C-alpha atoms as a PDB file:
ATOM      1  CA  UNK A   1     -12.148  -2.005  45.269  1.00  0.00           C
ATOM      2  CA  UNK A   2     -15.174  -4.249  45.615  1.00  0.00           C
ATOM      3  CA  UNK A   3     -17.424  -1.237  46.280  1.00  0.00           C
ATOM      4  CA  UNK A   4     -16.145   0.691  43.238  1.00  0.00           C
ATOM      5  CA  UNK A   5     -16.353  -2.028  40.629  1.00  0.00           C
ATOM      6  CA  UNK A   6     -19.904  -3.223  40.992  1.00  0.00           C
ATOM      7  CA  UNK A   7     -21.508  -4.631  37.851  1.00  0.00           C
ATOM      8  CA  UNK A   8     -23.666  -1.507  37.700  1.00  0.00           C
ATOM      9  CA  UNK A   9     -20.684   0.807  37.710  1.00  0.00           C
ATOM     10  CA  UNK A  10     -18.847  -1.253  35.113  1.00  0.00           C
ATOM     11  CA  UNK A  11     -21.839  -1.304  32.756  1.00  0.00           C
ATOM     12  CA  UNK A  12     -22.374   2.456  33.191  1.00  0.00           C
ATOM     13  CA  UNK A  13     -18.759   3.336  32.425  1.00  0.00           C
ATOM     14  CA  UNK A  14     -18.589   5.241  29.147  1.00  0.00           C
ATOM     15  CA  UNK A  15     -16.422   3.219  26.762  1.00  0.00           C
ATOM     16  CA  UNK A  16     -14.998   3.035  23.267  1.00  0.00           C
ATOM     17  CA  UNK A  17     -14.251  -0.079  21.205  1.00  0.00           C
ATOM     18  CA  UNK A  18     -11.571   0.368  18.533  1.00  0.00           C
ATOM     19  CA  UNK A  19     -11.088  -3.284  17.520  1.00  0.00           C
ATOM     20  CA  UNK A  20     -14.300  -5.021  16.658  1.00  0.00           C
ATOM     21  CA  UNK A  21     -14.918  -7.315  13.687  1.00  0.00           C
ATOM     22  CA  UNK A  22     -18.291  -7.155  11.935  1.00  0.00           C
ATOM     23  CA  UNK A  23     -18.390 -10.860  11.087  1.00  0.00           C
ATOM     24  CA  UNK A  24     -17.391 -11.775  14.627  1.00  0.00           C
ATOM     25  CA  UNK A  25     -20.332  -9.981  16.105  1.00  0.00           C
ATOM     26  CA  UNK A  26     -23.415 -11.646  14.626  1.00  0.00           C
ATOM     27  CA  UNK A  27     -26.302 -12.719  16.874  1.00  0.00           C
ATOM     28  CA  UNK A  28     -27.520 -16.298  16.456  1.00  0.00           C
ATOM     29  CA  UNK A  29     -31.114 -15.080  15.982  1.00  0.00           C
ATOM     30  CA  UNK A  30     -29.910 -12.894  13.085  1.00  0.00           C
ATOM     31  CA  UNK A  31     -28.206 -15.880  11.454  1.00  0.00           C
ATOM     32  CA  UNK A  32     -31.465 -17.845  11.809  1.00  0.00           C
ATOM     33  CA  UNK A  33     -33.475 -15.127  10.078  1.00  0.00           C
ATOM     34  CA  UNK A  34     -30.898 -14.474   7.361  1.00  0.00           C
ATOM     35  CA  UNK A  35     -30.503 -18.194   6.593  1.00  0.00           C
ATOM     36  CA  UNK A  36     -34.263 -18.650   6.113  1.00  0.00           C
ATOM     37  CA  UNK A  37     -34.472 -15.470   3.961  1.00  0.00           C
ATOM     38  CA  UNK A  38     -31.434 -16.395   1.881  1.00  0.00           C
ATOM     39  CA  UNK A  39     -32.224 -20.132   1.564  1.00  0.00           C
ATOM     40  CA  UNK A  40     -29.019 -21.272   3.277  1.00  0.00           C
ATOM     41  CA  UNK A  41     -29.230 -24.591   5.092  1.00  0.00           C
ATOM     42  CA  UNK A  42     -28.240 -24.592   8.812  1.00  0.00           C
ATOM     43  CA  UNK A  43     -26.965 -27.488  10.877  1.00  0.00           C
ATOM     44  CA  UNK A  44     -29.649 -26.700  13.475  1.00  0.00           C
ATOM     45  CA  UNK A  45     -32.596 -24.267  13.622  1.00  0.00           C
ATOM     46  CA  UNK A  46     -32.500 -22.923  17.171  1.00  0.00           C
ATOM     47  CA  UNK A  47     -30.367 -20.195  18.719  1.00  0.00           C
ATOM     48  CA  UNK A  48     -28.726 -22.301  21.380  1.00  0.00           C
ATOM     49  CA  UNK A  49     -27.839 -25.035  18.902  1.00  0.00           C
ATOM     50  CA  UNK A  50     -26.127 -22.490  16.662  1.00  0.00           C
ATOM     51  CA  UNK A  51     -23.806 -21.159  19.299  1.00  0.00           C
ATOM     52  CA  UNK A  52     -21.130 -23.888  19.075  1.00  0.00           C
ATOM     53  CA  UNK A  53     -20.832 -23.141  15.327  1.00  0.00           C
ATOM     54  CA  UNK A  54     -20.225 -19.404  16.060  1.00  0.00           C
ATOM     55  CA  UNK A  55     -18.266 -19.388  19.311  1.00  0.00           C
ATOM     56  CA  UNK A  56     -14.943 -20.824  20.486  1.00  0.00           C
ATOM     57  CA  UNK A  57     -14.832 -22.817  23.713  1.00  0.00           C
ATOM     58  CA  UNK A  58     -12.188 -23.254  26.389  1.00  0.00           C
ATOM     59  CA  UNK A  59     -10.425 -25.802  24.174  1.00  0.00           C
ATOM     60  CA  UNK A  60      -9.523 -23.325  21.398  1.00  0.00           C
ATOM     61  CA  UNK A  61      -5.918 -24.150  20.497  1.00  0.00           C
ATOM     62  CA  UNK A  62      -4.712 -21.324  18.220  1.00  0.00           C
ATOM     63  CA  UNK A  63      -5.466 -18.232  16.190  1.00  0.00           C
ATOM     64  CA  UNK A  64      -6.052 -20.476  13.121  1.00  0.00           C
ATOM     65  CA  UNK A  65      -8.693 -22.465  14.959  1.00  0.00           C
ATOM     66  CA  UNK A  66     -10.242 -19.264  16.244  1.00  0.00           C
ATOM     67  CA  UNK A  67     -10.480 -17.815  12.754  1.00  0.00           C
ATOM     68  CA  UNK A  68     -12.247 -20.930  11.460  1.00  0.00           C
ATOM     69  CA  UNK A  69     -15.442 -19.709  13.242  1.00  0.00           C
ATOM     70  CA  UNK A  70     -15.685 -16.858  10.748  1.00  0.00           C
ATOM     71  CA  UNK A  71     -16.258 -19.249   7.826  1.00  0.00           C
ATOM     72  CA  UNK A  72     -19.654 -20.089   9.266  1.00  0.00           C
ATOM     73  CA  UNK A  73     -20.795 -16.465   9.764  1.00  0.00           C
ATOM     74  CA  UNK A  74     -19.516 -14.968   6.519  1.00  0.00           C
ATOM     75  CA  UNK A  75     -21.877 -17.053   4.399  1.00  0.00           C
ATOM     76  CA  UNK A  76     -24.780 -14.951   5.686  1.00  0.00           C
ATOM     77  CA  UNK A  77     -23.133 -11.617   4.990  1.00  0.00           C
ATOM     78  CA  UNK A  78     -23.196 -11.551   1.204  1.00  0.00           C
ATOM     79  CA  UNK A  79     -26.016  -9.039   0.597  1.00  0.00           C
ATOM     80  CA  UNK A  80     -26.557  -5.336   1.074  1.00  0.00           C
ATOM     81  CA  UNK A  81     -29.429  -5.996   3.486  1.00  0.00           C
ATOM     82  CA  UNK A  82     -27.368  -8.382   5.680  1.00  0.00           C
ATOM     83  CA  UNK A  83     -24.354  -6.048   5.855  1.00  0.00           C
ATOM     84  CA  UNK A  84     -26.522  -3.055   6.843  1.00  0.00           C
ATOM     85  CA  UNK A  85     -28.422  -5.083   9.388  1.00  0.00           C
ATOM     86  CA  UNK A  86     -25.409  -6.582  11.142  1.00  0.00           C
ATOM     87  CA  UNK A  87     -23.578  -3.220  11.168  1.00  0.00           C
ATOM     88  CA  UNK A  88     -26.673  -1.718  12.805  1.00  0.00           C
ATOM     89  CA  UNK A  89     -26.862  -4.527  15.365  1.00  0.00           C
ATOM     90  CA  UNK A  90     -23.184  -4.189  16.253  1.00  0.00           C
ATOM     91  CA  UNK A  91     -23.863  -0.624  17.402  1.00  0.00           C
ATOM     92  CA  UNK A  92     -27.130  -1.652  19.068  1.00  0.00           C
ATOM     93  CA  UNK A  93     -25.204  -4.206  21.155  1.00  0.00           C
ATOM     94  CA  UNK A  94     -22.393  -1.706  21.918  1.00  0.00           C
ATOM     95  CA  UNK A  95     -24.977   0.857  23.059  1.00  0.00           C
ATOM     96  CA  UNK A  96     -26.234  -1.592  25.676  1.00  0.00           C
ATOM     97  CA  UNK A  97     -22.820  -1.293  27.341  1.00  0.00           C
ATOM     98  CA  UNK A  98     -22.608   2.502  27.105  1.00  0.00           C
ATOM     99  CA  UNK A  99     -20.141   2.521  24.243  1.00  0.00           C
ATOM    100  CA  UNK A 100     -19.864   6.057  22.910  1.00  0.00           C
ATOM    101  CA  UNK A 101     -17.653   5.314  19.886  1.00  0.00           C
ATOM    102  CA  UNK A 102     -16.931   2.163  17.907  1.00  0.00           C
ATOM    103  CA  UNK A 103     -14.682   1.334  14.977  1.00  0.00           C
ATOM    104  CA  UNK A 104     -16.111  -1.600  13.058  1.00  0.00           C
ATOM    105  CA  UNK A 105     -13.725  -3.491  10.822  1.00  0.00           C
ATOM    106  CA  UNK A 106     -14.498  -5.932   8.050  1.00  0.00           C
ATOM    107  CA  UNK A 107     -12.849  -7.369   4.900  1.00  0.00           C
ATOM    108  CA  UNK A 108     -14.844  -6.200   1.845  1.00  0.00           C
ATOM    109  CA  UNK A 109     -13.480  -8.971  -0.407  1.00  0.00           C
ATOM    110  CA  UNK A 110     -15.077 -11.627   1.817  1.00  0.00           C
ATOM    111  CA  UNK A 111     -18.563 -10.289   1.133  1.00  0.00           C
ATOM    112  CA  UNK A 112     -18.752 -10.389  -2.671  1.00  0.00           C
ATOM    113  CA  UNK A 113     -20.009 -13.919  -3.352  1.00  0.00           C
ATOM    114  CA  UNK A 114     -23.364 -12.631  -4.557  1.00  0.00           C
ATOM    115  CA  UNK A 115     -21.996  -9.905  -6.789  1.00  0.00           C
ATOM    116  CA  UNK A 116     -21.480  -6.881  -4.586  1.00  0.00           C
ATOM    117  CA  UNK A 117     -18.494  -4.688  -5.509  1.00  0.00           C
ATOM    118  CA  UNK A 118     -15.877  -3.699  -2.910  1.00  0.00           C
ATOM    119  CA  UNK A 119     -17.309  -0.185  -2.844  1.00  0.00           C
ATOM    120  CA  UNK A 120     -20.850  -1.483  -2.362  1.00  0.00           C
ATOM    121  CA  UNK A 121     -19.895  -3.574   0.659  1.00  0.00           C
ATOM    122  CA  UNK A 122     -18.270  -0.539   2.260  1.00  0.00           C
ATOM    123  CA  UNK A 123     -21.243   1.654   1.448  1.00  0.00           C
ATOM    124  CA  UNK A 124     -23.765  -0.712   3.008  1.00  0.00           C
ATOM    125  CA  UNK A 125     -21.794  -1.165   6.250  1.00  0.00           C
ATOM    126  CA  UNK A 126     -21.536   2.640   6.528  1.00  0.00           C
ATOM    127  CA  UNK A 127     -25.325   2.917   5.936  1.00  0.00           C
ATOM    128  CA  UNK A 128     -26.005   0.477   8.773  1.00  0.00           C
ATOM    129  CA  UNK A 129     -23.753   2.476  11.094  1.00  0.00           C
ATOM    130  CA  UNK A 130     -25.469   5.694  10.138  1.00  0.00           C
ATOM    131  CA  UNK A 131     -28.880   4.325  10.872  1.00  0.00           C
ATOM    132  CA  UNK A 132     -27.657   3.041  14.226  1.00  0.00           C
ATOM    133  CA  UNK A 133     -26.261   6.484  15.098  1.00  0.00           C
ATOM    134  CA  UNK A 134     -29.675   8.000  14.498  1.00  0.00           C
ATOM    135  CA  UNK A 135     -31.284   5.447  16.863  1.00  0.00           C
ATOM    136  CA  UNK A 136     -28.637   5.057  19.566  1.00  0.00           C
ATOM    137  CA  UNK A 137     -26.398   8.132  19.321  1.00  0.00           C
ATOM    138  CA  UNK A 138     -23.236   6.040  19.143  1.00  0.00           C
ATOM    139  CA  UNK A 139     -20.585   7.380  16.759  1.00  0.00           C
ATOM    140  CA  UNK A 140     -18.874   4.827  14.542  1.00  0.00           C
ATOM    141  CA  UNK A 141     -16.303   4.474  11.791  1.00  0.00           C
ATOM    142  CA  UNK A 142     -15.361   1.697   9.361  1.00  0.00           C
ATOM    143  CA  UNK A 143     -11.916   0.080   9.120  1.00  0.00           C
ATOM    144  CA  UNK A 144     -11.495  -1.763   5.777  1.00  0.00           C
ATOM    145  CA  UNK A 145      -9.437  -4.949   6.155  1.00  0.00           C
ATOM    146  CA  UNK A 146      -6.947  -6.376   3.689  1.00  0.00           C
ATOM    147  CA  UNK A 147      -6.566 -10.107   4.118  1.00  0.00           C
ATOM    148  CA  UNK A 148      -3.201 -11.796   4.502  1.00  0.00           C
ATOM    149  CA  UNK A 149      -4.153 -14.716   2.270  1.00  0.00           C
ATOM    150  CA  UNK A 150      -5.371 -12.467  -0.555  1.00  0.00           C
ATOM    151  CA  UNK A 151      -3.360 -11.429  -3.616  1.00  0.00           C
ATOM    152  CA  UNK A 152      -1.817  -8.030  -3.766  1.00  0.00           C
ATOM    153  CA  UNK A 153      -4.273  -6.837  -6.431  1.00  0.00           C
ATOM    154  CA  UNK A 154      -7.264  -7.768  -4.300  1.00  0.00           C
ATOM    155  CA  UNK A 155      -5.890  -5.878  -1.312  1.00  0.00           C
ATOM    156  CA  UNK A 156      -5.015  -2.818  -3.407  1.00  0.00           C
ATOM    157  CA  UNK A 157      -8.623  -2.814  -4.604  1.00  0.00           C
ATOM    158  CA  UNK A 158      -9.734  -2.615  -0.968  1.00  0.00           C
ATOM    159  CA  UNK A 159      -7.354   0.256  -0.258  1.00  0.00           C
ATOM    160  CA  UNK A 160      -8.466   2.184  -3.368  1.00  0.00           C
ATOM    161  CA  UNK A 161     -12.128   1.727  -2.502  1.00  0.00           C
ATOM    162  CA  UNK A 162     -11.534   2.714   1.102  1.00  0.00           C
ATOM    163  CA  UNK A 163      -9.851   5.896  -0.117  1.00  0.00           C
ATOM    164  CA  UNK A 164     -13.126   6.952  -1.766  1.00  0.00           C
ATOM    165  CA  UNK A 165     -14.917   6.793   1.593  1.00  0.00           C
ATOM    166  CA  UNK A 166     -12.361   8.547   3.790  1.00  0.00           C
ATOM    167  CA  UNK A 167     -14.198  11.339   5.570  1.00  0.00           C
ATOM    168  CA  UNK A 168     -17.476   9.680   4.616  1.00  0.00           C
ATOM    169  CA  UNK A 169     -17.425   6.767   7.040  1.00  0.00           C
ATOM    170  CA  UNK A 170     -14.096   4.985   6.510  1.00  0.00           C
ATOM    171  CA  UNK A 171     -11.471   5.882   9.131  1.00  0.00           C
ATOM    172  CA  UNK A 172      -8.604   3.443   8.404  1.00  0.00           C
ATOM    173  CA  UNK A 173      -7.351   0.291   6.714  1.00  0.00           C
ATOM    174  CA  UNK A 174      -6.067  -2.880   8.392  1.00  0.00           C
ATOM    175  CA  UNK A 175      -4.302  -6.158   7.685  1.00  0.00           C
ATOM    176  CA  UNK A 176      -5.769  -9.315   9.282  1.00  0.00           C
ATOM    177  CA  UNK A 177      -5.777 -13.100   8.964  1.00  0.00           C
ATOM    178  CA  UNK A 178      -3.210 -15.815   9.560  1.00  0.00           C
ATOM    179  CA  UNK A 179      -0.279 -13.788  10.897  1.00  0.00           C
ATOM    180  CA  UNK A 180       2.014 -16.762  11.431  1.00  0.00           C
ATOM    181  CA  UNK A 181       1.810 -17.879   7.768  1.00  0.00           C
ATOM    182  CA  UNK A 182       1.861 -14.414   6.096  1.00  0.00           C
ATOM    183  CA  UNK A 183       4.463 -11.993   7.529  1.00  0.00           C
ATOM    184  CA  UNK A 184       3.751  -8.262   7.157  1.00  0.00           C
ATOM    185  CA  UNK A 185       6.679  -7.514   4.804  1.00  0.00           C
ATOM    186  CA  UNK A 186       4.806  -9.129   1.903  1.00  0.00           C
ATOM    187  CA  UNK A 187       2.328  -6.233   2.114  1.00  0.00           C
ATOM    188  CA  UNK A 188       4.630  -3.216   1.841  1.00  0.00           C
ATOM    189  CA  UNK A 189       3.334  -2.347  -1.600  1.00  0.00           C
ATOM    190  CA  UNK A 190      -0.330  -2.526  -0.534  1.00  0.00           C
ATOM    191  CA  UNK A 191       0.141  -0.177   2.444  1.00  0.00           C
ATOM    192  CA  UNK A 192       2.356   2.163   0.491  1.00  0.00           C
ATOM    193  CA  UNK A 193      -0.817   2.821  -1.496  1.00  0.00           C
ATOM    194  CA  UNK A 194      -2.703   3.516   1.749  1.00  0.00           C
ATOM    195  CA  UNK A 195      -0.069   6.079   2.730  1.00  0.00           C
ATOM    196  CA  UNK A 196      -0.174   7.639  -0.683  1.00  0.00           C
ATOM    197  CA  UNK A 197      -3.955   8.065  -0.342  1.00  0.00           C
ATOM    198  CA  UNK A 198      -3.620   9.439   3.224  1.00  0.00           C
ATOM    199  CA  UNK A 199      -5.584   6.616   4.871  1.00  0.00           C
ATOM    200  CA  UNK A 200      -4.590   5.849   8.482  1.00  0.00           C
ATOM    201  CA  UNK A 201      -3.236   2.316   9.039  1.00  0.00           C
ATOM    202  CA  UNK A 202      -3.659  -0.194  11.829  1.00  0.00           C
ATOM    203  CA  UNK A 203      -2.141  -3.689  11.513  1.00  0.00           C
ATOM    204  CA  UNK A 204      -2.831  -6.921  13.340  1.00  0.00           C
ATOM    205  CA  UNK A 205       0.643  -7.820  14.643  1.00  0.00           C
ATOM    206  CA  UNK A 206       2.347  -9.452  17.633  1.00  0.00           C
ATOM    207  CA  UNK A 207      -0.585 -11.825  18.141  1.00  0.00           C
ATOM    208  CA  UNK A 208       0.282 -15.133  16.482  1.00  0.00           C
ATOM    209  CA  UNK A 209       3.867 -14.127  15.725  1.00  0.00           C
ATOM    210  CA  UNK A 210       6.573 -12.133  17.514  1.00  0.00           C
ATOM    211  CA  UNK A 211       7.598  -8.535  18.138  1.00  0.00           C
ATOM    212  CA  UNK A 212       9.470  -8.269  14.790  1.00  0.00           C
ATOM    213  CA  UNK A 213       6.080  -8.153  13.046  1.00  0.00           C
ATOM    214  CA  UNK A 214       5.167  -5.153  15.153  1.00  0.00           C
ATOM    215  CA  UNK A 215       8.397  -3.462  14.081  1.00  0.00           C
ATOM    216  CA  UNK A 216       7.696  -4.210  10.414  1.00  0.00           C
ATOM    217  CA  UNK A 217       4.082  -2.979  10.683  1.00  0.00           C
ATOM    218  CA  UNK A 218       5.132   0.386  12.108  1.00  0.00           C
ATOM    219  CA  UNK A 219       8.399   1.021  10.273  1.00  0.00           C
ATOM    220  CA  UNK A 220       7.610  -0.371   6.824  1.00  0.00           C
ATOM    221  CA  UNK A 221       3.816  -0.526   6.540  1.00  0.00           C
ATOM    222  CA  UNK A 222       3.113   2.784   8.200  1.00  0.00           C
ATOM    223  CA  UNK A 223       0.929   1.542  11.073  1.00  0.00           C
ATOM    224  CA  UNK A 224      -0.023   4.213  13.628  1.00  0.00           C
ATOM    225  CA  UNK A 225      -1.869   1.664  15.792  1.00  0.00           C
ATOM    226  CA  UNK A 226      -1.242  -2.050  16.416  1.00  0.00           C
ATOM    227  CA  UNK A 227      -3.959  -4.679  16.668  1.00  0.00           C
ATOM    228  CA  UNK A 228      -3.190  -6.748  19.753  1.00  0.00           C
ATOM    229  CA  UNK A 229       0.623  -6.454  20.118  1.00  0.00           C
ATOM    230  CA  UNK A 230       0.544  -8.990  22.920  1.00  0.00           C
ATOM    231  CA  UNK A 231       3.944 -10.509  22.031  1.00  0.00           C
ATOM    232  CA  UNK A 232       5.663  -7.112  21.954  1.00  0.00           C
ATOM    233  CA  UNK A 233       7.319  -7.959  25.282  1.00  0.00           C
ATOM    234  CA  UNK A 234       9.486 -10.564  23.499  1.00  0.00           C
ATOM    235  CA  UNK A 235      11.788  -7.687  22.346  1.00  0.00           C
ATOM    236  CA  UNK A 236      12.559  -4.902  24.771  1.00  0.00           C
ATOM    237  CA  UNK A 237      14.078  -2.572  22.148  1.00  0.00           C
ATOM    238  CA  UNK A 238      10.987  -2.836  19.897  1.00  0.00           C
ATOM    239  CA  UNK A 239       8.782  -2.265  22.928  1.00  0.00           C
ATOM    240  CA  UNK A 240      10.751   0.862  23.726  1.00  0.00           C
ATOM    241  CA  UNK A 241      10.344   2.033  20.155  1.00  0.00           C
ATOM    242  CA  UNK A 242       6.545   1.587  20.329  1.00  0.00           C
ATOM    243  CA  UNK A 243       6.521   3.513  23.601  1.00  0.00           C
ATOM    244  CA  UNK A 244       8.670   6.336  22.235  1.00  0.00           C
ATOM    245  CA  UNK A 245       6.541   6.648  19.118  1.00  0.00           C
ATOM    246  CA  UNK A 246       3.373   6.549  21.221  1.00  0.00           C
ATOM    247  CA  UNK A 247       1.824   3.791  19.089  1.00  0.00           C
ATOM    248  CA  UNK A 248      -1.405   2.609  20.785  1.00  0.00           C
ATOM    249  CA  UNK A 249      -2.058  -1.109  21.189  1.00  0.00           C
ATOM    250  CA  UNK A 250      -5.574  -2.428  20.552  1.00  0.00           C
ATOM    251  CA  UNK A 251      -5.635  -5.166  23.208  1.00  0.00           C
ATOM    252  CA  UNK A 252      -8.522  -7.585  23.310  1.00  0.00           C
ATOM    253  CA  UNK A 253      -8.016  -9.519  26.567  1.00  0.00           C
ATOM    254  CA  UNK A 254     -10.521 -12.370  26.293  1.00  0.00           C
ATOM    255  CA  UNK A 255      -9.787 -13.030  22.621  1.00  0.00           C
ATOM    256  CA  UNK A 256      -6.016 -12.868  23.268  1.00  0.00           C
ATOM    257  CA  UNK A 257      -6.303 -15.672  25.804  1.00  0.00           C
ATOM    258  CA  UNK A 258      -8.528 -17.758  23.493  1.00  0.00           C
ATOM    259  CA  UNK A 259      -6.176 -17.510  20.467  1.00  0.00           C
ATOM    260  CA  UNK A 260      -3.236 -18.514  22.669  1.00  0.00           C
ATOM    261  CA  UNK A 261      -1.389 -15.271  22.010  1.00  0.00           C
ATOM    262  CA  UNK A 262      -0.198 -15.977  25.556  1.00  0.00           C
ATOM    263  CA  UNK A 263      -0.342 -19.201  27.546  1.00  0.00           C
ATOM    264  CA  UNK A 264      -2.886 -17.859  30.080  1.00  0.00           C
ATOM    265  CA  UNK A 265      -3.897 -14.895  32.273  1.00  0.00           C
ATOM    266  CA  UNK A 266      -0.723 -15.137  34.383  1.00  0.00           C
ATOM    267  CA  UNK A 267       1.285 -14.364  31.256  1.00  0.00           C
ATOM    268  CA  UNK A 268      -0.981 -11.605  29.938  1.00  0.00           C
ATOM    269  CA  UNK A 269       1.256  -8.486  29.818  1.00  0.00           C
ATOM    270  CA  UNK A 270      -1.336  -5.753  30.187  1.00  0.00           C
ATOM    271  CA  UNK A 271      -0.252  -4.667  33.671  1.00  0.00           C
ATOM    272  CA  UNK A 272       3.420  -4.702  32.596  1.00  0.00           C
ATOM    273  CA  UNK A 273       2.627  -2.659  29.465  1.00  0.00           C
ATOM    274  CA  UNK A 274       0.607  -0.098  31.372  1.00  0.00           C
ATOM    275  CA  UNK A 275       3.253   0.274  34.064  1.00  0.00           C
ATOM    276  CA  UNK A 276       5.912   0.767  31.427  1.00  0.00           C
ATOM    277  CA  UNK A 277       3.963   3.614  29.830  1.00  0.00           C
ATOM    278  CA  UNK A 278       2.649   1.988  26.676  1.00  0.00           C
ATOM    279  CA  UNK A 279      -0.670   3.279  25.370  1.00  0.00           C
ATOM    280  CA  UNK A 280      -3.148   0.465  25.954  1.00  0.00           C
ATOM    281  CA  UNK A 281      -6.744   0.428  24.733  1.00  0.00           C
ATOM    282  CA  UNK A 282      -9.353  -2.248  25.661  1.00  0.00           C
ATOM    283  CA  UNK A 283     -11.513  -3.758  22.987  1.00  0.00           C
ATOM    284  CA  UNK A 284     -13.762  -6.784  22.296  1.00  0.00           C
ATOM    285  CA  UNK A 285     -12.412  -8.124  18.961  1.00  0.00           C
ATOM    286  CA  UNK A 286     -15.313 -10.514  18.281  1.00  0.00           C
ATOM    287  CA  UNK A 287     -18.215 -10.388  20.716  1.00  0.00           C
ATOM    288  CA  UNK A 288     -19.979 -13.447  19.312  1.00  0.00           C
ATOM    289  CA  UNK A 289     -16.962 -15.650  18.636  1.00  0.00           C
ATOM    290  CA  UNK A 290     -15.441 -14.836  22.030  1.00  0.00           C
ATOM    291  CA  UNK A 291     -18.705 -14.676  24.001  1.00  0.00           C
ATOM    292  CA  UNK A 292     -17.752 -11.236  25.244  1.00  0.00           C
ATOM    293  CA  UNK A 293     -18.814  -7.583  25.430  1.00  0.00           C
ATOM    294  CA  UNK A 294     -16.942  -4.447  26.413  1.00  0.00           C
ATOM    295  CA  UNK A 295     -18.272  -4.500  29.998  1.00  0.00           C
ATOM    296  CA  UNK A 296     -17.084  -8.077  30.421  1.00  0.00           C
ATOM    297  CA  UNK A 297     -13.590  -7.118  29.168  1.00  0.00           C
ATOM    298  CA  UNK A 298     -13.342  -4.422  31.867  1.00  0.00           C
ATOM    299  CA  UNK A 299     -14.758  -6.785  34.524  1.00  0.00           C
ATOM    300  CA  UNK A 300     -12.097  -9.394  33.740  1.00  0.00           C
ATOM    301  CA  UNK A 301      -9.380  -6.770  34.015  1.00  0.00           C
ATOM    302  CA  UNK A 302     -10.559  -5.445  37.348  1.00  0.00           C
ATOM    303  CA  UNK A 303     -10.866  -8.942  38.766  1.00  0.00           C
ATOM    304  CA  UNK A 304      -7.570 -10.309  37.483  1.00  0.00           C
ATOM    305  CA  UNK A 305      -5.277  -7.293  37.544  1.00  0.00           C
ATOM    306  CA  UNK A 306      -6.765  -5.055  40.271  1.00  0.00           C
ATOM    307  CA  UNK A 307      -6.699  -1.859  38.229  1.00  0.00           C
ATOM    308  CA  UNK A 308      -7.222   1.240  40.291  1.00  0.00           C
ATOM    309  CA  UNK A 309      -9.834   3.873  39.563  1.00  0.00           C
ATOM    310  CA  UNK A 310      -7.289   6.133  37.856  1.00  0.00           C
ATOM    311  CA  UNK A 311      -5.848   3.259  35.832  1.00  0.00           C
ATOM    312  CA  UNK A 312      -9.216   2.239  34.515  1.00  0.00           C
ATOM    313  CA  UNK A 313     -10.050   5.791  33.564  1.00  0.00           C
ATOM    314  CA  UNK A 314      -6.681   5.969  31.759  1.00  0.00           C
ATOM    315  CA  UNK A 315      -7.454   2.827  29.750  1.00  0.00           C
ATOM    316  CA  UNK A 316     -10.847   4.222  28.773  1.00  0.00           C
ATOM    317  CA  UNK A 317      -9.506   7.632  27.788  1.00  0.00           C
ATOM    318  CA  UNK A 318      -6.621   6.062  25.884  1.00  0.00           C
ATOM    319  CA  UNK A 319      -9.287   4.745  23.554  1.00  0.00           C
ATOM    320  CA  UNK A 320     -10.597   8.273  22.964  1.00  0.00           C
ATOM    321  CA  UNK A 321      -7.113   9.630  22.197  1.00  0.00           C
ATOM    322  CA  UNK A 322      -6.268   6.635  19.935  1.00  0.00           C
ATOM    323  CA  UNK A 323      -9.517   6.794  17.924  1.00  0.00           C
ATOM    324  CA  UNK A 324      -9.248   7.518  14.220  1.00  0.00           C
ATOM    325  CA  UNK A 325     -11.261  10.766  14.183  1.00  0.00           C
ATOM    326  CA  UNK A 326     -10.638  14.443  13.552  1.00  0.00           C
ATOM    327  CA  UNK A 327      -9.750  16.629  16.470  1.00  0.00           C
ATOM    328  CA  UNK A 328     -13.080  18.477  16.624  1.00  0.00           C
ATOM    329  CA  UNK A 329     -14.962  15.187  16.987  1.00  0.00           C
ATOM    330  CA  UNK A 330     -12.384  13.948  19.492  1.00  0.00           C
ATOM    331  CA  UNK A 331     -12.895  17.090  21.620  1.00  0.00           C
ATOM    332  CA  UNK A 332     -16.656  16.419  21.718  1.00  0.00           C
ATOM    333  CA  UNK A 333     -16.169  12.755  22.601  1.00  0.00           C
ATOM    334  CA  UNK A 334     -13.576  13.562  25.242  1.00  0.00           C
ATOM    335  CA  UNK A 335     -15.981  16.019  26.914  1.00  0.00           C
ATOM    336  CA  UNK A 336     -18.844  13.549  26.804  1.00  0.00           C
ATOM    337  CA  UNK A 337     -16.697  10.785  28.342  1.00  0.00           C
ATOM    338  CA  UNK A 338     -15.322  13.081  31.019  1.00  0.00           C
ATOM    339  CA  UNK A 339     -18.809  14.292  31.958  1.00  0.00           C
ATOM    340  CA  UNK A 340     -20.013  10.688  32.448  1.00  0.00           C
ATOM    341  CA  UNK A 341     -16.874   9.616  34.340  1.00  0.00           C
ATOM    342  CA  UNK A 342     -17.292  12.630  36.548  1.00  0.00           C
ATOM    343  CA  UNK A 343     -20.945  11.796  37.224  1.00  0.00           C
ATOM    344  CA  UNK A 344     -19.770   8.335  38.382  1.00  0.00           C
ATOM    345  CA  UNK A 345     -17.269   9.916  40.725  1.00  0.00           C
ATOM    346  CA  UNK A 346     -14.291   8.504  38.828  1.00  0.00           C
ATOM    347  CA  UNK A 347     -12.477  11.747  37.986  1.00  0.00           C
ATOM    348  CA  UNK A 348     -12.376  13.170  41.472  1.00  0.00           C
END
């Protein structure tokens, strides 16, 4: 195993990242530049000094504490220029790890303090991704997030705006935020609108609350993918339902440990889920907040769980099959991924 999973091989693996938050991916140098340009005061004016304000440490105690890091970053993402730039840089960073496809999610309502409309925020993130595609050749889509702590009307506004960009950059809608305080059933009306408009749905569930939230997300909100789903194992019948319905889980290993979705690596159920036939995908969640990248996620998995060559390829290709894209694009992506995996000797 040691000879297969060298750092070089892991970095050269073709990858996808289906669960990546825009505001959790900012570089400290970008915050420095945006702060100066926007006249926002910073606690310190050097990259290293900013990191503790942007990143969780070993002592992170909960999802709520983890989410508090976003309050710092979001202040700098209130302009068209900033949204385009950070969207571009997300793809630039993903390209460094041979990511071939990325779904970037963000909550439009959190970026309107300086007067942007919901539609404008979506437009500018899409523009940043388009420019990055021209420069790096990495395909990308936008997932528009509804926030758990927002009123129904605000979330419906996000869904309606997202509907105008389906097929033009938006690939899905999501529900995120404080899962423990806001159960998914309060949002049935919001996601009924998503289904009416034909927008695919993924829901953060089974991260800070139990398997019943996963059930509700799929059965009553219409989720066809689940963000995290770490606590699915708490209910075997719901886990069987997710397996039977072939609902992919967007697992984010390093972040899942940091948010205390499980007590530690010994309790992380990824090996159990894979062995039981669940569709698992590997993602970064928040590269800056979690101090991670997609190569690092795969490195941790190979070191801690001893995934075989065929298992790692399966995890990678699950991401291709679970991606929110039309079948012609999926066919092209699948071929590209298989060609690169073959060149690395991983499909033989």
